[in-house]
Amino acid sequence: MPLPHILDNRTPETMHSAGLTNLIELNYAEPVAVATGYVNIGGLKVLAEVVEGRPTRLLLGAQPDPGLGASVPPRDLFERQLQALGDERDFSRFPPSRAGRQLAAIDEWIERPEVEVRRYTQRFLHGKVYLVGTDDLARGALITSANLTGAGLHSNLELGLAAYGPPSAQEAMDWFNALWEEATPFEDELRALLFPVEGQVDP
């Protein structure tokens, strides 16, 4: 069966999680890079499972600066997104909880030396891309509307285009790398959000 080029979450074969798995499995041991405006525990779980120890770069978006007369999201959008992730974490921490085990697995994955997380703060990052390959030789790309969330990868009606070859994938990789160079490290902040100091979890 040919691999789908259009991913929209309307069938099991065209789910973004399946497309991302196909893209990665076709390129054994190649690094992975992801840019997303928003992330949640469900999305992190999928990514942590599918990359299987590969070098991984995760680029998160930030709130935009308001433009003159432009219709833009609120200035505190990124902080609201982090609060939503914190609320999800609080709900997941109380046993018995499969989500609690997922949190522990995600925390262990983020702590691995081959995983890097950065936050892009120069402009409002709305683009989403999932890449496989090196900086100089991108093997595949999924360019999509889907954020790295459980709903984005499984149930939202999204639209993504999967490219299983270098030409367009390389252009997407170049775009990602330009933003990555301007971004700031965010691993410690993300781990602190998922696993705060004892006593800082909202009951």
N, C-alpha and C. Protein backbone atom coordinates (compact mmCIF):
# COMPACT_ATOMS: atom_id res chain seq x y z
N MET A 1 0.85 -1.20 0.00
CA MET A 1 0.00 0.00 0.00
C MET A 1 0.89 1.25 0.00
N PRO A 2 0.64 2.19 -0.93
CA PRO A 2 1.49 3.39 -0.98
C PRO A 2 1.30 4.25 0.26
N LEU A 3 2.37 4.92 0.65
CA LEU A 3 2.29 5.81 1.80
C LEU A 3 1.48 7.04 1.45
N PRO A 4 0.61 7.50 2.35
CA PRO A 4 -0.21 8.68 2.04
C PRO A 4 0.62 9.96 2.06
N HIS A 5 0.32 10.85 1.12
CA HIS A 5 0.98 12.16 1.10
C HIS A 5 0.13 13.21 1.81
N ILE A 6 -1.18 13.00 1.86
CA ILE A 6 -2.07 13.92 2.54
C ILE A 6 -2.50 13.29 3.87
N LEU A 7 -2.28 14.00 4.96
CA LEU A 7 -2.67 13.54 6.30
C LEU A 7 -3.71 14.49 6.86
N ASP A 8 -4.85 13.93 7.29
CA ASP A 8 -5.93 14.78 7.78
C ASP A 8 -6.65 14.22 9.01
N ASN A 9 -6.19 13.06 9.51
CA ASN A 9 -6.78 12.42 10.69
C ASN A 9 -8.19 11.88 10.44
N ARG A 10 -8.57 11.71 9.19
CA ARG A 10 -9.92 11.23 8.89
C ARG A 10 -10.01 9.70 8.86
N THR A 11 -8.88 9.03 8.67
CA THR A 11 -8.84 7.57 8.69
C THR A 11 -7.59 7.15 9.47
N PRO A 12 -7.52 5.90 9.92
CA PRO A 12 -6.31 5.45 10.62
C PRO A 12 -5.05 5.62 9.78
N GLU A 13 -5.17 5.42 8.46
CA GLU A 13 -4.01 5.52 7.59
C GLU A 13 -3.54 6.96 7.40
N THR A 14 -4.46 7.92 7.54
CA THR A 14 -4.09 9.31 7.31
C THR A 14 -3.98 10.12 8.60
N MET A 15 -3.87 9.42 9.73
CA MET A 15 -3.60 10.12 10.99
C MET A 15 -2.18 10.67 10.98
N HIS A 16 -2.01 11.81 11.60
CA HIS A 16 -0.68 12.41 11.67
C HIS A 16 0.29 11.53 12.45
N SER A 17 -0.20 10.86 13.48
CA SER A 17 0.69 9.97 14.25
C SER A 17 1.21 8.84 13.36
N ALA A 18 0.34 8.30 12.49
CA ALA A 18 0.77 7.24 11.57
C ALA A 18 1.73 7.78 10.53
N GLY A 19 1.45 8.99 10.01
CA GLY A 19 2.34 9.59 9.02
C GLY A 19 3.70 9.88 9.59
N LEU A 20 3.73 10.38 10.83
CA LEU A 20 5.01 10.65 11.49
C LEU A 20 5.79 9.36 11.71
N THR A 21 5.10 8.31 12.12
CA THR A 21 5.75 7.02 12.31
C THR A 21 6.33 6.50 10.99
N ASN A 22 5.56 6.58 9.91
CA ASN A 22 6.05 6.15 8.60
C ASN A 22 7.30 6.91 8.20
N LEU A 23 7.26 8.23 8.37
CA LEU A 23 8.37 9.08 7.98
C LEU A 23 9.64 8.71 8.72
N ILE A 24 9.50 8.42 10.01
CA ILE A 24 10.66 8.09 10.83
C ILE A 24 11.16 6.68 10.54
N GLU A 25 10.23 5.73 10.41
CA GLU A 25 10.65 4.34 10.19
C GLU A 25 11.31 4.14 8.83
N LEU A 26 10.99 4.99 7.86
CA LEU A 26 11.64 4.90 6.55
C LEU A 26 13.09 5.36 6.60
N ASN A 27 13.44 6.08 7.63
CA ASN A 27 14.78 6.68 7.73
C ASN A 27 15.43 6.27 9.05
N TYR A 28 15.85 5.03 9.10
CA TYR A 28 16.37 4.43 10.32
C TYR A 28 17.53 5.24 10.89
N ALA A 29 17.43 5.56 12.15
CA ALA A 29 18.48 6.22 12.94
C ALA A 29 18.75 7.67 12.56
N GLU A 30 17.97 8.23 11.64
CA GLU A 30 18.17 9.64 11.27
C GLU A 30 17.63 10.55 12.37
N PRO A 31 18.25 11.73 12.57
CA PRO A 31 17.74 12.68 13.57
C PRO A 31 16.35 13.19 13.20
N VAL A 32 15.65 13.70 14.21
CA VAL A 32 14.29 14.22 14.05
C VAL A 32 14.27 15.67 14.54
N ALA A 33 13.52 16.52 13.83
CA ALA A 33 13.34 17.91 14.24
C ALA A 33 11.87 18.27 14.12
N VAL A 34 11.34 18.96 15.14
CA VAL A 34 9.91 19.31 15.16
C VAL A 34 9.78 20.78 15.56
N ALA A 35 8.99 21.52 14.79
CA ALA A 35 8.59 22.87 15.17
C ALA A 35 7.09 22.86 15.38
N THR A 36 6.64 23.43 16.49
CA THR A 36 5.21 23.43 16.81
C THR A 36 4.87 24.68 17.61
N GLY A 37 3.68 25.19 17.37
CA GLY A 37 3.24 26.34 18.14
C GLY A 37 2.81 25.97 19.55
N TYR A 38 2.35 24.74 19.72
CA TYR A 38 1.79 24.31 21.00
C TYR A 38 2.07 22.83 21.20
N VAL A 39 2.21 22.43 22.45
CA VAL A 39 2.51 21.05 22.78
C VAL A 39 1.70 20.65 24.01
N ASN A 40 1.34 19.36 24.08
CA ASN A 40 0.75 18.86 25.32
C ASN A 40 1.30 17.47 25.61
N ILE A 41 0.84 16.89 26.72
CA ILE A 41 1.39 15.61 27.17
C ILE A 41 1.15 14.52 26.13
N GLY A 42 -0.05 14.52 25.51
CA GLY A 42 -0.34 13.50 24.51
C GLY A 42 0.60 13.57 23.32
N GLY A 43 0.91 14.78 22.86
CA GLY A 43 1.83 14.94 21.75
C GLY A 43 3.25 14.56 22.11
N LEU A 44 3.69 14.95 23.30
CA LEU A 44 5.04 14.59 23.75
C LEU A 44 5.18 13.08 23.88
N LYS A 45 4.12 12.42 24.34
CA LYS A 45 4.16 10.96 24.48
C LYS A 45 4.37 10.30 23.12
N VAL A 46 3.61 10.74 22.10
CA VAL A 46 3.77 10.16 20.77
C VAL A 46 5.18 10.37 20.26
N LEU A 47 5.69 11.58 20.39
CA LEU A 47 7.04 11.87 19.88
C LEU A 47 8.09 11.06 20.61
N ALA A 48 8.01 11.00 21.93
CA ALA A 48 8.99 10.25 22.71
C ALA A 48 9.01 8.78 22.31
N GLU A 49 7.85 8.21 22.02
CA GLU A 49 7.78 6.80 21.65
C GLU A 49 8.31 6.55 20.24
N VAL A 50 7.98 7.44 19.31
CA VAL A 50 8.29 7.16 17.92
C VAL A 50 9.75 7.45 17.56
N VAL A 51 10.40 8.36 18.27
CA VAL A 51 11.80 8.68 17.90
C VAL A 51 12.78 7.62 18.37
N GLU A 52 12.45 6.86 19.41
CA GLU A 52 13.24 5.70 19.84
C GLU A 52 14.73 5.98 19.96
N GLY A 53 15.07 7.00 20.74
CA GLY A 53 16.48 7.26 21.04
C GLY A 53 17.24 8.06 20.00
N ARG A 54 16.58 8.52 18.94
CA ARG A 54 17.27 9.32 17.93
C ARG A 54 17.54 10.73 18.46
N PRO A 55 18.58 11.40 17.96
CA PRO A 55 18.73 12.82 18.27
C PRO A 55 17.49 13.58 17.84
N THR A 56 16.95 14.40 18.74
CA THR A 56 15.69 15.08 18.48
C THR A 56 15.78 16.54 18.92
N ARG A 57 15.32 17.43 18.05
CA ARG A 57 15.23 18.86 18.38
C ARG A 57 13.76 19.26 18.35
N LEU A 58 13.31 19.87 19.43
CA LEU A 58 11.92 20.31 19.56
C LEU A 58 11.91 21.83 19.74
N LEU A 59 11.26 22.52 18.79
CA LEU A 59 11.19 23.97 18.81
C LEU A 59 9.77 24.40 19.12
N LEU A 60 9.60 25.13 20.23
CA LEU A 60 8.28 25.59 20.66
C LEU A 60 8.10 27.05 20.32
N GLY A 61 6.85 27.44 20.03
CA GLY A 61 6.54 28.82 19.71
C GLY A 61 6.38 29.68 20.95
N ALA A 62 6.24 30.96 20.73
CA ALA A 62 6.07 31.91 21.82
C ALA A 62 4.97 32.90 21.46
N GLN A 63 4.57 33.70 22.43
CA GLN A 63 3.53 34.67 22.17
C GLN A 63 4.05 35.74 21.21
N PRO A 64 3.16 36.29 20.36
CA PRO A 64 3.58 37.31 19.41
C PRO A 64 3.60 38.70 20.02
N ASP A 65 4.31 39.60 19.39
CA ASP A 65 4.18 41.02 19.72
C ASP A 65 3.02 41.58 18.90
N PRO A 66 2.21 42.45 19.49
CA PRO A 66 1.07 42.98 18.73
C PRO A 66 1.53 43.87 17.59
N GLY A 67 0.84 43.78 16.46
CA GLY A 67 1.16 44.64 15.32
C GLY A 67 0.17 45.79 15.25
N LEU A 68 0.51 46.78 14.48
CA LEU A 68 -0.36 47.95 14.34
C LEU A 68 -1.63 47.56 13.58
N GLY A 69 -2.73 47.48 14.30
CA GLY A 69 -3.99 47.17 13.66
C GLY A 69 -4.15 45.72 13.25
N ALA A 70 -3.16 44.89 13.56
CA ALA A 70 -3.24 43.49 13.13
C ALA A 70 -4.03 42.69 14.14
N SER A 71 -4.72 41.69 13.65
CA SER A 71 -5.44 40.78 14.53
C SER A 71 -4.50 39.65 14.92
N VAL A 72 -4.00 39.68 16.14
CA VAL A 72 -3.04 38.69 16.60
C VAL A 72 -3.51 38.07 17.90
N PRO A 73 -3.01 36.88 18.25
CA PRO A 73 -3.38 36.29 19.53
C PRO A 73 -2.91 37.16 20.70
N PRO A 74 -3.47 36.96 21.88
CA PRO A 74 -3.08 37.77 23.04
C PRO A 74 -1.60 37.65 23.35
N ARG A 75 -1.05 38.71 23.98
CA ARG A 75 0.38 38.73 24.30
C ARG A 75 0.78 37.56 25.19
N ASP A 76 -0.13 37.12 26.04
CA ASP A 76 0.22 36.08 27.00
C ASP A 76 -0.16 34.69 26.50
N LEU A 77 -0.28 34.51 25.17
CA LEU A 77 -0.71 33.23 24.63
C LEU A 77 0.20 32.09 25.07
N PHE A 78 1.52 32.30 24.99
CA PHE A 78 2.45 31.23 25.35
C PHE A 78 2.29 30.87 26.83
N GLU A 79 2.14 31.89 27.68
CA GLU A 79 1.96 31.63 29.10
C GLU A 79 0.66 30.87 29.36
N ARG A 80 -0.40 31.20 28.61
CA ARG A 80 -1.65 30.47 28.75
C ARG A 80 -1.48 29.01 28.33
N GLN A 81 -0.71 28.80 27.28
CA GLN A 81 -0.46 27.44 26.82
C GLN A 81 0.31 26.65 27.88
N LEU A 82 1.29 27.30 28.50
CA LEU A 82 2.04 26.63 29.56
C LEU A 82 1.14 26.33 30.75
N GLN A 83 0.22 27.24 31.06
CA GLN A 83 -0.71 27.01 32.16
C GLN A 83 -1.61 25.82 31.86
N ALA A 84 -2.06 25.72 30.60
CA ALA A 84 -2.90 24.58 30.21
C ALA A 84 -2.12 23.27 30.34
N LEU A 85 -0.85 23.31 29.95
CA LEU A 85 -0.01 22.12 30.11
C LEU A 85 0.18 21.79 31.59
N GLY A 86 0.34 22.83 32.42
CA GLY A 86 0.44 22.61 33.86
C GLY A 86 -0.83 22.02 34.45
N ASP A 87 -1.99 22.50 33.99
CA ASP A 87 -3.26 21.95 34.46
C ASP A 87 -3.39 20.48 34.09
N GLU A 88 -2.97 20.15 32.87
CA GLU A 88 -3.01 18.76 32.42
C GLU A 88 -2.08 17.90 33.27
N ARG A 89 -0.92 18.45 33.57
CA ARG A 89 0.03 17.74 34.43
C ARG A 89 -0.55 17.49 35.81
N ASP A 90 -1.18 18.51 36.42
CA ASP A 90 -1.73 18.36 37.76
C ASP A 90 -2.77 17.24 37.80
N PHE A 91 -3.62 17.22 36.79
CA PHE A 91 -4.66 16.20 36.73
C PHE A 91 -4.07 14.80 36.56
N SER A 92 -2.91 14.73 35.89
CA SER A 92 -2.31 13.44 35.56
C SER A 92 -1.47 12.84 36.68
N ARG A 93 -1.11 13.64 37.68
CA ARG A 93 -0.14 13.18 38.66
C ARG A 93 -0.72 12.31 39.76
N PHE A 94 -2.03 12.29 39.89
CA PHE A 94 -2.61 11.59 41.02
C PHE A 94 -2.89 10.13 40.69
N PRO A 95 -2.33 9.20 41.47
CA PRO A 95 -2.49 7.76 41.20
C PRO A 95 -3.89 7.29 41.59
N PRO A 96 -4.35 6.12 41.02
CA PRO A 96 -3.65 5.39 39.96
C PRO A 96 -3.84 6.11 38.63
N SER A 97 -2.79 6.32 37.88
CA SER A 97 -2.88 7.14 36.69
C SER A 97 -1.94 6.66 35.61
N ARG A 98 -2.50 6.22 34.48
CA ARG A 98 -1.66 5.88 33.34
C ARG A 98 -0.95 7.14 32.84
N ALA A 99 -1.64 8.29 32.94
CA ALA A 99 -1.03 9.54 32.52
C ALA A 99 0.18 9.88 33.37
N GLY A 100 0.14 9.49 34.67
CA GLY A 100 1.30 9.71 35.53
C GLY A 100 2.51 8.94 35.04
N ARG A 101 2.30 7.72 34.57
CA ARG A 101 3.41 6.94 34.01
C ARG A 101 3.90 7.57 32.71
N GLN A 102 2.96 8.12 31.93
CA GLN A 102 3.36 8.81 30.71
C GLN A 102 4.22 10.02 31.03
N LEU A 103 3.84 10.76 32.07
CA LEU A 103 4.63 11.91 32.48
C LEU A 103 6.05 11.51 32.84
N ALA A 104 6.18 10.42 33.58
CA ALA A 104 7.51 9.96 33.97
C ALA A 104 8.34 9.58 32.75
N ALA A 105 7.71 8.92 31.78
CA ALA A 105 8.42 8.53 30.56
C ALA A 105 8.84 9.76 29.75
N ILE A 106 7.96 10.76 29.69
CA ILE A 106 8.29 11.99 28.97
C ILE A 106 9.43 12.72 29.65
N ASP A 107 9.39 12.79 30.98
CA ASP A 107 10.46 13.45 31.73
C ASP A 107 11.79 12.75 31.48
N GLU A 108 11.80 11.44 31.49
CA GLU A 108 13.03 10.68 31.23
C GLU A 108 13.53 10.95 29.81
N TRP A 109 12.60 11.05 28.86
CA TRP A 109 12.99 11.30 27.47
C TRP A 109 13.60 12.69 27.31
N ILE A 110 12.96 13.72 27.87
CA ILE A 110 13.46 15.09 27.74
C ILE A 110 14.85 15.22 28.36
N GLU A 111 15.12 14.43 29.40
CA GLU A 111 16.40 14.51 30.09
C GLU A 111 17.54 13.84 29.31
N ARG A 112 17.22 13.06 28.30
CA ARG A 112 18.25 12.36 27.54
C ARG A 112 19.15 13.36 26.82
N PRO A 113 20.45 13.08 26.72
CA PRO A 113 21.38 14.06 26.12
C PRO A 113 21.13 14.33 24.64
N GLU A 114 20.49 13.40 23.94
CA GLU A 114 20.26 13.60 22.51
C GLU A 114 18.99 14.41 22.21
N VAL A 115 18.28 14.83 23.27
CA VAL A 115 17.05 15.61 23.09
C VAL A 115 17.32 17.07 23.46
N GLU A 116 16.97 17.97 22.55
CA GLU A 116 17.11 19.40 22.80
C GLU A 116 15.75 20.07 22.63
N VAL A 117 15.45 21.00 23.51
CA VAL A 117 14.21 21.77 23.42
C VAL A 117 14.57 23.25 23.45
N ARG A 118 14.04 24.00 22.49
CA ARG A 118 14.25 25.44 22.48
C ARG A 118 12.91 26.14 22.28
N ARG A 119 12.91 27.42 22.67
CA ARG A 119 11.73 28.26 22.50
C ARG A 119 12.07 29.41 21.57
N TYR A 120 11.26 29.58 20.54
CA TYR A 120 11.47 30.66 19.59
C TYR A 120 10.68 31.89 20.02
N THR A 121 11.37 33.01 20.23
CA THR A 121 10.72 34.19 20.80
C THR A 121 10.77 35.40 19.87
N GLN A 122 11.36 35.27 18.69
CA GLN A 122 11.53 36.44 17.82
C GLN A 122 10.20 36.92 17.23
N ARG A 123 9.38 35.97 16.82
CA ARG A 123 8.07 36.28 16.23
C ARG A 123 7.10 35.18 16.65
N PHE A 124 5.83 35.37 16.27
CA PHE A 124 4.83 34.36 16.58
C PHE A 124 5.03 33.16 15.65
N LEU A 125 5.40 32.03 16.21
CA LEU A 125 5.64 30.81 15.43
C LEU A 125 4.32 30.06 15.28
N HIS A 126 3.78 30.07 14.08
CA HIS A 126 2.53 29.38 13.82
C HIS A 126 2.73 28.15 12.93
N GLY A 127 3.86 28.08 12.23
CA GLY A 127 4.14 26.95 11.36
C GLY A 127 4.45 25.69 12.14
N LYS A 128 4.06 24.55 11.59
CA LYS A 128 4.34 23.25 12.21
C LYS A 128 5.01 22.36 11.18
N VAL A 129 6.11 21.74 11.56
CA VAL A 129 6.82 20.84 10.65
C VAL A 129 7.47 19.73 11.46
N TYR A 130 7.47 18.53 10.87
CA TYR A 130 8.10 17.35 11.45
C TYR A 130 9.10 16.85 10.42
N LEU A 131 10.38 16.81 10.79
CA LEU A 131 11.46 16.55 9.85
C LEU A 131 12.29 15.36 10.26
N VAL A 132 12.81 14.65 9.27
CA VAL A 132 13.73 13.54 9.51
C VAL A 132 14.94 13.74 8.61
N GLY A 133 16.14 13.64 9.20
CA GLY A 133 17.37 13.79 8.43
C GLY A 133 18.33 14.74 9.12
N THR A 134 19.44 14.96 8.47
CA THR A 134 20.46 15.85 9.00
C THR A 134 20.29 17.25 8.43
N ASP A 135 21.05 18.20 8.96
CA ASP A 135 20.97 19.57 8.47
C ASP A 135 21.26 19.64 6.97
N ASP A 136 22.21 18.84 6.52
CA ASP A 136 22.64 18.89 5.12
C ASP A 136 21.90 17.93 4.22
N LEU A 137 21.20 16.97 4.78
CA LEU A 137 20.47 16.00 3.96
C LEU A 137 19.17 15.61 4.66
N ALA A 138 18.13 16.38 4.41
CA ALA A 138 16.81 16.07 4.97
C ALA A 138 16.19 14.95 4.16
N ARG A 139 15.72 13.91 4.84
CA ARG A 139 15.16 12.74 4.17
C ARG A 139 13.65 12.81 3.98
N GLY A 140 12.97 13.55 4.84
CA GLY A 140 11.53 13.62 4.74
C GLY A 140 10.97 14.74 5.59
N ALA A 141 9.78 15.20 5.25
CA ALA A 141 9.15 16.29 5.99
C ALA A 141 7.64 16.12 6.00
N LEU A 142 7.03 16.47 7.10
CA LEU A 142 5.58 16.58 7.22
C LEU A 142 5.28 18.03 7.57
N ILE A 143 4.73 18.76 6.63
CA ILE A 143 4.40 20.17 6.81
C ILE A 143 2.89 20.23 6.98
N THR A 144 2.43 20.82 8.10
CA THR A 144 1.05 20.59 8.50
C THR A 144 0.47 21.70 9.35
N SER A 145 -0.82 21.63 9.54
CA SER A 145 -1.50 22.52 10.49
C SER A 145 -1.50 21.93 11.90
N ALA A 146 -1.06 20.69 12.05
CA ALA A 146 -1.22 19.96 13.32
C ALA A 146 -0.11 20.28 14.31
N ASN A 147 -0.48 20.78 15.47
CA ASN A 147 0.46 20.96 16.56
C ASN A 147 0.85 19.61 17.16
N LEU A 148 1.89 19.63 17.98
CA LEU A 148 2.35 18.41 18.66
C LEU A 148 1.47 18.20 19.90
N THR A 149 0.23 17.82 19.65
CA THR A 149 -0.73 17.53 20.71
C THR A 149 -1.42 16.21 20.38
N GLY A 150 -2.04 15.61 21.37
CA GLY A 150 -2.76 14.39 21.12
C GLY A 150 -3.86 14.58 20.09
N ALA A 151 -4.62 15.68 20.20
CA ALA A 151 -5.70 15.94 19.25
C ALA A 151 -5.15 16.28 17.87
N GLY A 152 -4.05 17.04 17.82
CA GLY A 152 -3.47 17.39 16.53
C GLY A 152 -2.97 16.18 15.77
N LEU A 153 -2.45 15.19 16.48
CA LEU A 153 -1.89 14.01 15.84
C LEU A 153 -2.92 12.92 15.59
N HIS A 154 -4.11 13.03 16.24
CA HIS A 154 -5.07 11.93 16.14
C HIS A 154 -6.48 12.33 15.70
N SER A 155 -7.04 13.39 16.22
CA SER A 155 -8.49 13.59 16.05
C SER A 155 -8.91 14.90 15.41
N ASN A 156 -8.15 15.98 15.55
CA ASN A 156 -8.55 17.22 14.89
C ASN A 156 -8.56 17.04 13.38
N LEU A 157 -9.44 17.76 12.70
CA LEU A 157 -9.42 17.75 11.24
C LEU A 157 -8.29 18.69 10.79
N GLU A 158 -7.13 18.11 10.57
CA GLU A 158 -5.94 18.86 10.18
C GLU A 158 -5.65 18.61 8.70
N LEU A 159 -4.66 19.32 8.18
CA LEU A 159 -4.22 19.06 6.81
C LEU A 159 -2.70 19.14 6.78
N GLY A 160 -2.07 18.02 6.40
CA GLY A 160 -0.63 17.96 6.31
C GLY A 160 -0.19 17.32 5.02
N LEU A 161 0.97 17.74 4.54
CA LEU A 161 1.56 17.19 3.33
C LEU A 161 2.87 16.50 3.69
N ALA A 162 2.95 15.20 3.42
CA ALA A 162 4.16 14.43 3.71
C ALA A 162 5.02 14.34 2.46
N ALA A 163 6.28 14.72 2.58
CA ALA A 163 7.24 14.63 1.48
C ALA A 163 8.28 13.59 1.86
N TYR A 164 8.38 12.53 1.09
CA TYR A 164 9.26 11.42 1.42
C TYR A 164 10.58 11.48 0.66
N GLY A 165 11.03 12.67 0.33
CA GLY A 165 12.29 12.80 -0.40
C GLY A 165 12.97 14.11 -0.08
N PRO A 166 14.25 14.21 -0.44
CA PRO A 166 15.06 15.36 -0.05
C PRO A 166 14.67 16.73 -0.60
N PRO A 167 14.22 16.93 -1.84
CA PRO A 167 14.15 18.31 -2.34
C PRO A 167 13.33 19.26 -1.47
N SER A 168 12.03 18.97 -1.30
CA SER A 168 11.20 19.86 -0.49
C SER A 168 11.53 19.72 0.99
N ALA A 169 11.92 18.52 1.42
CA ALA A 169 12.28 18.32 2.82
C ALA A 169 13.48 19.18 3.20
N GLN A 170 14.43 19.35 2.27
CA GLN A 170 15.61 20.15 2.58
C GLN A 170 15.26 21.62 2.77
N GLU A 171 14.34 22.12 1.96
CA GLU A 171 13.92 23.51 2.14
C GLU A 171 13.26 23.72 3.49
N ALA A 172 12.44 22.74 3.89
CA ALA A 172 11.80 22.82 5.21
C ALA A 172 12.84 22.74 6.32
N MET A 173 13.87 21.90 6.14
CA MET A 173 14.94 21.80 7.14
C MET A 173 15.71 23.11 7.25
N ASP A 174 15.96 23.75 6.13
CA ASP A 174 16.66 25.03 6.15
C ASP A 174 15.85 26.07 6.92
N TRP A 175 14.52 26.06 6.70
CA TRP A 175 13.62 26.96 7.44
C TRP A 175 13.72 26.69 8.94
N PHE A 176 13.65 25.41 9.31
CA PHE A 176 13.73 25.05 10.72
C PHE A 176 15.05 25.49 11.33
N ASN A 177 16.15 25.23 10.64
CA ASN A 177 17.47 25.55 11.18
C ASN A 177 17.66 27.05 11.41
N ALA A 178 17.11 27.87 10.52
CA ALA A 178 17.22 29.32 10.69
C ALA A 178 16.53 29.76 11.98
N LEU A 179 15.36 29.19 12.27
CA LEU A 179 14.66 29.51 13.50
C LEU A 179 15.36 28.92 14.72
N TRP A 180 15.87 27.71 14.57
CA TRP A 180 16.55 27.04 15.69
C TRP A 180 17.74 27.87 16.17
N GLU A 181 18.48 28.46 15.25
CA GLU A 181 19.66 29.25 15.62
C GLU A 181 19.27 30.49 16.41
N GLU A 182 18.07 30.99 16.22
CA GLU A 182 17.61 32.19 16.92
C GLU A 182 16.88 31.87 18.23
N ALA A 183 16.65 30.59 18.50
CA ALA A 183 15.86 30.20 19.67
C ALA A 183 16.73 30.03 20.91
N THR A 184 16.09 29.97 22.06
CA THR A 184 16.80 29.83 23.34
C THR A 184 16.46 28.50 23.99
N PRO A 185 17.39 27.91 24.76
CA PRO A 185 17.15 26.61 25.40
C PRO A 185 15.92 26.66 26.31
N PHE A 186 15.18 25.53 26.34
CA PHE A 186 13.94 25.49 27.12
C PHE A 186 13.73 24.14 27.80
N GLU A 187 14.76 23.25 27.79
CA GLU A 187 14.58 21.93 28.41
C GLU A 187 14.27 22.03 29.89
N ASP A 188 15.05 22.84 30.61
CA ASP A 188 14.88 22.93 32.06
C ASP A 188 13.51 23.48 32.40
N GLU A 189 13.06 24.49 31.65
CA GLU A 189 11.76 25.09 31.92
C GLU A 189 10.63 24.09 31.65
N LEU A 190 10.76 23.32 30.58
CA LEU A 190 9.71 22.35 30.26
C LEU A 190 9.68 21.24 31.30
N ARG A 191 10.82 20.76 31.72
CA ARG A 191 10.85 19.71 32.74
C ARG A 191 10.34 20.25 34.08
N ALA A 192 10.69 21.49 34.40
CA ALA A 192 10.18 22.08 35.65
C ALA A 192 8.67 22.23 35.61
N LEU A 193 8.14 22.50 34.42
CA LEU A 193 6.69 22.61 34.29
C LEU A 193 6.03 21.26 34.48
N LEU A 194 6.60 20.22 33.89
CA LEU A 194 6.01 18.89 34.00
C LEU A 194 6.21 18.29 35.39
N PHE A 195 7.33 18.60 36.02
CA PHE A 195 7.64 18.06 37.35
C PHE A 195 8.08 19.19 38.28
N PRO A 196 7.14 19.96 38.79
CA PRO A 196 7.49 21.07 39.69
C PRO A 196 7.94 20.56 41.04
N VAL A 197 8.49 21.47 41.83
CA VAL A 197 8.88 21.14 43.19
C VAL A 197 7.65 20.62 43.95
N GLU A 198 7.86 19.59 44.76
CA GLU A 198 6.76 19.00 45.52
C GLU A 198 6.01 20.08 46.29
N GLY A 199 4.70 20.04 46.25
CA GLY A 199 3.89 21.01 46.94
C GLY A 199 3.39 22.13 46.05
N GLN A 200 3.88 22.15 44.78
CA GLN A 200 3.42 23.20 43.86
C GLN A 200 2.40 22.69 42.87
N VAL A 201 1.84 21.53 43.12
CA VAL A 201 0.82 20.98 42.25
C VAL A 201 -0.55 21.39 42.78
N ASP A 202 -1.39 21.92 41.91
CA ASP A 202 -2.72 22.38 42.30
C ASP A 202 -3.61 21.16 42.60
N PRO A 203 -4.11 21.03 43.83
CA PRO A 203 -4.97 19.89 44.16
C PRO A 203 -6.34 19.99 43.50
